[in-house]
């Protein structure tokens, strides 16, 4: 947990500072303050639980963007082993906003792919803030097809504010790359597990987001447009983003009710940035459960279920009055 706090987290900041001060005092003068620290830690935990249970949709969007939240490479390091990263789309370049390669997960050889953001300005520029170019989506598909060739399951982590909207990306076929990925993922003959770990914005997320099961972390968001983009279109002001977030119904709870995702992965109280290890263990358990289920399904049946899953989305029935 870094020293960054949102406005609604200010009570947590004050308690955390007191705990850190007591620990420093204990270290400096050698006085046993474990009981006092324990009381404050329990108070901090209770406050995190209370705040977490009353978050608005906009506040969950902010938590999904928290700079101390674990990213794709962090989860790979915590729950997988023997990761071998692959680079380039064999057409133009190696997009650093999307990473992927082979890994071991709970005794299974898999392919893992995901958006990658940066921790500071320099790294964010290097990773293009997690916004992929066409070559990123083509690299992802190249890796997926390589995995399918060797009958390896595919695990995908989604965390992006959107596909990169620059002129160069459009010139190189941004929309075509995303559309082609959707087509190819719909028929990829191997299990695909999607995990939305942070932001899931528009085609940027969907470009690597079609799979057999969609898991979503409790404080992630997933929508056709960002709250700011929606607010700018509807109300001509990005300041209306909280209002837009309420209308978009973009939280994990909303999307589970709408049938757009399959399961919510619980986070530590206050968000994954408070406890990386427990967040990673929750993600690991969810992936393991789905992986062991999917690998036992015959390929023909798997593809048929995948097709029907997406055909069901958006279906509604009007009642006659």
Protein backbone atom coordinates (compact mmCIF):
# COMPACT_ATOMS: atom_id res chain seq x y z
CA UNK A 1 0.00 0.00 0.00
CA UNK A 2 1.52 3.33 -1.06
CA UNK A 3 0.90 6.75 0.46
CA UNK A 4 -1.76 7.57 -2.14
CA UNK A 5 -5.31 7.97 -0.84
CA UNK A 6 -8.55 9.10 -2.43
CA UNK A 7 -10.76 11.58 -0.61
CA UNK A 8 -13.12 8.86 0.64
CA UNK A 9 -10.07 7.00 2.03
CA UNK A 10 -8.88 9.87 4.26
CA UNK A 11 -9.99 8.21 7.55
CA UNK A 12 -7.84 5.21 6.54
CA UNK A 13 -4.86 7.46 5.89
CA UNK A 14 -5.05 8.96 9.38
CA UNK A 15 -5.18 5.55 11.07
CA UNK A 16 -2.38 4.19 8.89
CA UNK A 17 -0.17 7.13 9.83
CA UNK A 18 -0.76 6.49 13.54
CA UNK A 19 0.15 2.82 13.13
CA UNK A 20 3.32 3.71 11.22
CA UNK A 21 4.26 6.27 13.87
CA UNK A 22 3.86 3.70 16.65
CA UNK A 23 5.95 1.16 14.76
CA UNK A 24 8.69 3.72 14.22
CA UNK A 25 8.58 4.66 17.93
CA UNK A 26 8.76 1.00 18.89
CA UNK A 27 11.76 0.50 16.62
CA UNK A 28 13.55 3.65 17.74
CA UNK A 29 13.27 3.42 21.54
CA UNK A 30 12.67 -0.32 21.97
CA UNK A 31 9.31 -0.02 23.77
CA UNK A 32 6.78 -2.83 23.29
CA UNK A 33 3.73 -1.27 21.65
CA UNK A 34 2.30 -4.42 20.05
CA UNK A 35 -1.00 -4.22 21.93
CA UNK A 36 -1.61 -0.61 20.94
CA UNK A 37 -0.67 -1.34 17.34
CA UNK A 38 -2.92 -4.41 17.27
CA UNK A 39 -5.93 -2.36 18.45
CA UNK A 40 -5.34 0.26 15.75
CA UNK A 41 -4.83 -2.40 13.05
CA UNK A 42 -8.16 -4.00 13.93
CA UNK A 43 -9.79 -0.58 13.86
CA UNK A 44 -8.22 0.04 10.44
CA UNK A 45 -9.52 -3.30 9.13
CA UNK A 46 -13.04 -2.59 10.41
CA UNK A 47 -12.98 0.83 8.78
CA UNK A 48 -11.79 -0.66 5.48
CA UNK A 49 -14.68 -3.15 5.59
CA UNK A 50 -17.17 -0.36 6.37
CA UNK A 51 -15.94 1.90 3.56
CA UNK A 52 -15.80 -0.99 1.10
CA UNK A 53 -19.44 -1.92 1.79
CA UNK A 54 -20.68 1.59 0.98
CA UNK A 55 -18.73 2.46 -2.18
CA UNK A 56 -20.47 4.18 -5.06
CA UNK A 57 -19.90 2.99 -8.63
CA UNK A 58 -17.59 5.96 -9.26
CA UNK A 59 -15.53 5.17 -6.17
CA UNK A 60 -15.06 1.60 -7.43
CA UNK A 61 -13.85 3.03 -10.73
CA UNK A 62 -11.28 5.05 -8.79
CA UNK A 63 -10.15 1.99 -6.83
CA UNK A 64 -9.73 0.08 -10.10
CA UNK A 65 -7.34 2.87 -11.14
CA UNK A 66 -5.41 3.02 -7.86
CA UNK A 67 -1.68 3.36 -8.65
CA UNK A 68 -0.77 0.75 -6.02
CA UNK A 69 -3.13 -1.89 -7.41
CA UNK A 70 -1.42 -5.07 -8.69
CA UNK A 71 -1.05 -5.31 -12.46
CA UNK A 72 -0.75 -8.25 -14.85
CA UNK A 73 2.97 -8.87 -14.32
CA UNK A 74 2.45 -8.72 -10.55
CA UNK A 75 -0.18 -11.48 -10.69
CA UNK A 76 1.99 -13.56 -13.00
CA UNK A 77 4.87 -13.35 -10.53
CA UNK A 78 2.65 -14.14 -7.53
CA UNK A 79 0.57 -17.05 -8.85
CA UNK A 80 2.51 -18.49 -11.80
CA UNK A 81 6.02 -19.74 -12.47
CA UNK A 82 8.48 -20.22 -15.34
CA UNK A 83 7.05 -17.29 -17.29
CA UNK A 84 8.66 -16.92 -20.71
CA UNK A 85 7.63 -13.67 -22.38
CA UNK A 86 7.15 -13.56 -26.14
CA UNK A 87 7.56 -10.36 -28.15
CA UNK A 88 6.31 -8.79 -31.36
CA UNK A 89 3.48 -9.34 -33.81
CA UNK A 90 5.81 -10.38 -36.70
CA UNK A 91 4.33 -7.52 -38.74
CA UNK A 92 5.28 -4.16 -37.23
CA UNK A 93 6.55 -3.94 -33.64
CA UNK A 94 6.44 -5.18 -30.06
CA UNK A 95 3.66 -3.36 -28.20
CA UNK A 96 4.69 -2.96 -24.56
CA UNK A 97 1.09 -2.30 -23.47
CA UNK A 98 0.32 -6.00 -23.88
CA UNK A 99 2.53 -8.75 -22.50
CA UNK A 100 2.21 -12.48 -23.02
CA UNK A 101 3.96 -15.79 -23.11
CA UNK A 102 4.13 -19.28 -21.64
CA UNK A 103 3.87 -20.06 -17.94
CA UNK A 104 3.15 -22.80 -15.42
CA UNK A 105 0.03 -22.54 -13.29
CA UNK A 106 -0.78 -25.16 -10.64
CA UNK A 107 0.91 -27.91 -12.64
CA UNK A 108 -0.63 -26.84 -15.96
CA UNK A 109 1.27 -25.40 -18.90
CA UNK A 110 -0.66 -22.34 -20.06
CA UNK A 111 -0.46 -19.24 -22.21
CA UNK A 112 -0.94 -15.98 -20.30
CA UNK A 113 -1.65 -12.56 -21.84
CA UNK A 114 -2.60 -9.20 -20.36
CA UNK A 115 -2.52 -5.44 -20.47
CA UNK A 116 0.34 -3.89 -18.53
CA UNK A 117 0.39 -0.40 -17.02
CA UNK A 118 3.33 1.44 -15.46
CA UNK A 119 4.02 2.49 -11.89
CA UNK A 120 5.55 5.89 -12.65
CA UNK A 121 5.61 8.40 -15.50
CA UNK A 122 8.60 6.82 -17.25
CA UNK A 123 7.14 3.32 -17.12
CA UNK A 124 3.67 4.51 -18.11
CA UNK A 125 5.12 6.13 -21.22
CA UNK A 126 6.96 2.88 -21.95
CA UNK A 127 3.74 0.89 -21.50
CA UNK A 128 1.59 3.58 -23.15
CA UNK A 129 -0.58 3.64 -20.00
CA UNK A 130 -1.83 0.15 -20.83
CA UNK A 131 -3.41 1.31 -24.10
CA UNK A 132 -2.61 -1.15 -26.86
CA UNK A 133 -1.86 -0.45 -30.53
CA UNK A 134 -2.97 -2.80 -33.34
CA UNK A 135 0.35 -4.63 -33.07
CA UNK A 136 -0.47 -5.38 -29.44
CA UNK A 137 -3.70 -7.14 -30.37
CA UNK A 138 -1.94 -8.97 -33.20
CA UNK A 139 0.82 -10.05 -30.83
CA UNK A 140 -1.82 -11.32 -28.40
CA UNK A 141 -3.50 -13.35 -31.15
CA UNK A 142 -0.17 -14.75 -32.34
CA UNK A 143 0.49 -15.99 -28.81
CA UNK A 144 -3.04 -17.40 -28.46
CA UNK A 145 -2.73 -19.31 -31.72
CA UNK A 146 0.64 -20.64 -30.61
CA UNK A 147 -0.97 -21.83 -27.39
CA UNK A 148 -3.84 -23.46 -29.27
CA UNK A 149 -1.32 -25.26 -31.50
CA UNK A 150 0.06 -26.99 -28.42
CA UNK A 151 -3.38 -27.35 -26.79
CA UNK A 152 -2.54 -24.96 -23.97
CA UNK A 153 -5.31 -23.09 -22.07
CA UNK A 154 -5.25 -19.30 -22.36
CA UNK A 155 -5.51 -17.01 -19.31
CA UNK A 156 -6.04 -13.31 -20.05
CA UNK A 157 -5.80 -10.36 -17.64
CA UNK A 158 -7.68 -7.21 -18.65
CA UNK A 159 -6.69 -3.80 -17.31
CA UNK A 160 -6.85 -0.94 -19.80
CA UNK A 161 -8.41 2.53 -20.11
CA UNK A 162 -9.02 1.68 -23.78
CA UNK A 163 -7.30 0.91 -27.06
CA UNK A 164 -4.87 3.64 -28.15
CA UNK A 165 -6.81 6.20 -30.28
CA UNK A 166 -3.82 7.81 -32.02
CA UNK A 167 -3.53 8.45 -35.77
CA UNK A 168 -0.77 5.85 -36.21
CA UNK A 169 -2.90 3.18 -34.53
CA UNK A 170 -5.83 3.99 -36.80
CA UNK A 171 -3.59 3.94 -39.87
CA UNK A 172 -2.33 0.48 -38.94
CA UNK A 173 -5.85 -0.90 -38.50
CA UNK A 174 -6.86 -0.63 -34.86
CA UNK A 175 -10.51 -1.52 -35.43
CA UNK A 176 -9.63 -4.35 -37.82
CA UNK A 177 -7.16 -5.86 -35.34
CA UNK A 178 -9.77 -5.89 -32.57
CA UNK A 179 -12.48 -7.27 -34.86
CA UNK A 180 -10.17 -10.00 -36.15
CA UNK A 181 -9.30 -10.99 -32.58
CA UNK A 182 -12.98 -11.31 -31.73
CA UNK A 183 -13.55 -13.54 -34.72
CA UNK A 184 -10.54 -15.73 -34.03
CA UNK A 185 -11.11 -15.99 -30.28
CA UNK A 186 -14.66 -17.15 -30.91
CA UNK A 187 -13.28 -20.27 -32.59
CA UNK A 188 -9.94 -20.78 -30.82
CA UNK A 189 -9.84 -24.52 -30.01
CA UNK A 190 -8.62 -24.23 -26.43
CA UNK A 191 -10.09 -22.96 -23.13
CA UNK A 192 -9.97 -19.17 -22.63
CA UNK A 193 -10.30 -17.66 -19.15
CA UNK A 194 -10.75 -13.89 -18.90
CA UNK A 195 -9.91 -12.06 -15.65
CA UNK A 196 -10.78 -8.36 -15.40
CA UNK A 197 -8.36 -7.11 -12.74
CA UNK A 198 -8.82 -3.34 -13.07
CA UNK A 199 -10.16 -1.23 -15.89
CA UNK A 200 -12.06 -2.83 -18.75
CA UNK A 201 -12.78 -0.04 -21.21
CA UNK A 202 -14.47 -0.46 -24.55
CA UNK A 203 -12.85 -2.29 -27.49
CA UNK A 204 -9.50 -1.97 -25.75
CA UNK A 205 -10.67 -4.61 -23.29
CA UNK A 206 -12.84 -6.56 -25.71
CA UNK A 207 -9.94 -7.02 -28.14
CA UNK A 208 -8.55 -9.73 -25.86
CA UNK A 209 -11.73 -10.26 -23.84
CA UNK A 210 -13.74 -13.01 -25.51
CA UNK A 211 -13.60 -16.31 -23.67
CA UNK A 212 -15.33 -19.29 -22.12
CA UNK A 213 -15.58 -17.71 -18.69
CA UNK A 214 -15.26 -14.09 -17.55
CA UNK A 215 -14.07 -13.48 -14.00
CA UNK A 216 -14.10 -9.97 -12.59
CA UNK A 217 -12.50 -8.58 -9.48
CA UNK A 218 -14.84 -6.95 -7.00
CA UNK A 219 -13.58 -3.40 -7.56
CA UNK A 220 -12.89 -3.62 -11.29
CA UNK A 221 -15.08 -1.97 -13.93
CA UNK A 222 -16.07 -3.05 -17.44
CA UNK A 223 -17.99 -0.91 -19.91
CA UNK A 224 -18.43 0.13 -23.52
CA UNK A 225 -17.03 3.56 -22.60
CA UNK A 226 -15.28 5.21 -19.68
CA UNK A 227 -17.40 7.32 -17.30
CA UNK A 228 -15.50 10.45 -18.41
CA UNK A 229 -16.11 9.67 -22.10
CA UNK A 230 -19.78 9.03 -21.48
CA UNK A 231 -20.13 12.25 -19.47
CA UNK A 232 -18.40 14.29 -22.18
CA UNK A 233 -20.86 12.98 -24.79
CA UNK A 234 -24.10 13.16 -22.80
CA UNK A 235 -23.54 16.19 -20.58
CA UNK A 236 -20.65 17.95 -22.32
CA UNK A 237 -18.59 17.77 -19.15
CA UNK A 238 -16.14 15.21 -17.76
CA UNK A 239 -17.10 16.48 -14.31
CA UNK A 240 -20.30 14.43 -14.66
CA UNK A 241 -18.28 11.18 -14.63
CA UNK A 242 -19.75 10.00 -11.27
CA UNK A 243 -23.25 10.46 -12.70
CA UNK A 244 -22.25 8.56 -15.84
CA UNK A 245 -20.79 5.71 -13.78
CA UNK A 246 -24.14 5.25 -12.07
CA UNK A 247 -25.95 5.12 -15.41
CA UNK A 248 -23.47 2.76 -17.08
CA UNK A 249 -23.83 0.05 -14.41
CA UNK A 250 -20.22 -0.96 -14.88
CA UNK A 251 -19.37 -2.67 -11.59
CA UNK A 252 -18.87 -6.39 -11.08
CA UNK A 253 -22.17 -6.68 -9.20
CA UNK A 254 -24.06 -4.93 -12.01
CA UNK A 255 -22.51 -7.04 -14.74
CA UNK A 256 -23.10 -10.31 -12.90
CA UNK A 257 -26.79 -9.42 -12.62
CA UNK A 258 -26.86 -8.58 -16.34
CA UNK A 259 -25.20 -11.86 -17.26
CA UNK A 260 -22.16 -10.19 -18.82
CA UNK A 261 -19.68 -11.88 -16.48
CA UNK A 262 -19.68 -15.28 -14.79
CA UNK A 263 -18.15 -14.76 -11.37
CA UNK A 264 -16.93 -12.03 -9.01
CA UNK A 265 -13.53 -12.46 -7.38
CA UNK A 266 -13.63 -10.95 -3.85
CA UNK A 267 -10.95 -8.44 -2.92
CA UNK A 268 -9.37 -7.64 0.45
CA UNK A 269 -11.34 -4.95 2.32
CA UNK A 270 -10.64 -1.57 0.75
CA UNK A 271 -9.34 -3.04 -2.50
CA UNK A 272 -6.54 -5.21 -3.87
CA UNK A 273 -3.97 -2.46 -3.27
CA UNK A 274 -4.27 -3.03 0.50
CA UNK A 275 -3.24 -6.67 0.38
CA UNK A 276 -1.58 -7.99 -2.79
CA UNK A 277 -1.06 -11.48 -1.44
CA UNK A 278 -4.69 -12.16 -0.50
CA UNK A 279 -5.88 -10.57 -3.75
CA UNK A 280 -3.54 -12.84 -5.71
CA UNK A 281 -4.69 -15.93 -3.81
CA UNK A 282 -8.32 -15.11 -4.62
CA UNK A 283 -7.46 -14.73 -8.31
CA UNK A 284 -5.46 -17.96 -8.23
CA UNK A 285 -8.32 -19.93 -6.65
CA UNK A 286 -10.84 -18.63 -9.18
CA UNK A 287 -8.63 -19.40 -12.19
CA UNK A 288 -7.75 -22.85 -10.86
CA UNK A 289 -11.40 -23.78 -10.38
CA UNK A 290 -12.39 -22.71 -13.89
CA UNK A 291 -9.29 -24.17 -15.54
CA UNK A 292 -9.84 -27.62 -14.05
CA UNK A 293 -13.45 -27.50 -15.22
CA UNK A 294 -12.76 -26.28 -18.76
CA UNK A 295 -9.85 -28.57 -19.66
CA UNK A 296 -12.14 -31.59 -19.28
CA UNK A 297 -14.68 -30.31 -21.82
CA UNK A 298 -14.30 -31.70 -25.39
CA UNK A 299 -13.27 -29.03 -27.88
CA UNK A 300 -16.46 -29.21 -29.96
CA UNK A 301 -18.60 -28.84 -26.85
CA UNK A 302 -16.38 -26.00 -25.57
CA UNK A 303 -16.79 -24.01 -28.79
CA UNK A 304 -20.53 -24.63 -28.86
CA UNK A 305 -20.88 -23.38 -25.28
CA UNK A 306 -18.76 -20.33 -26.10
CA UNK A 307 -20.96 -19.53 -29.10
CA UNK A 308 -24.17 -19.86 -27.07
CA UNK A 309 -22.72 -17.79 -24.22
CA UNK A 310 -22.34 -14.75 -26.45
CA UNK A 311 -25.58 -15.32 -28.33
CA UNK A 312 -27.43 -15.05 -25.01
CA UNK A 313 -25.98 -11.64 -24.20
CA UNK A 314 -28.34 -8.74 -24.75
CA UNK A 315 -31.42 -10.91 -25.12
CA UNK A 316 -34.50 -9.54 -23.37
CA UNK A 317 -38.23 -10.20 -23.28
CA UNK A 318 -40.87 -7.47 -23.35
CA UNK A 319 -44.01 -8.08 -21.34
CA UNK A 320 -47.28 -7.35 -23.07
CA UNK A 321 -49.47 -4.91 -21.19
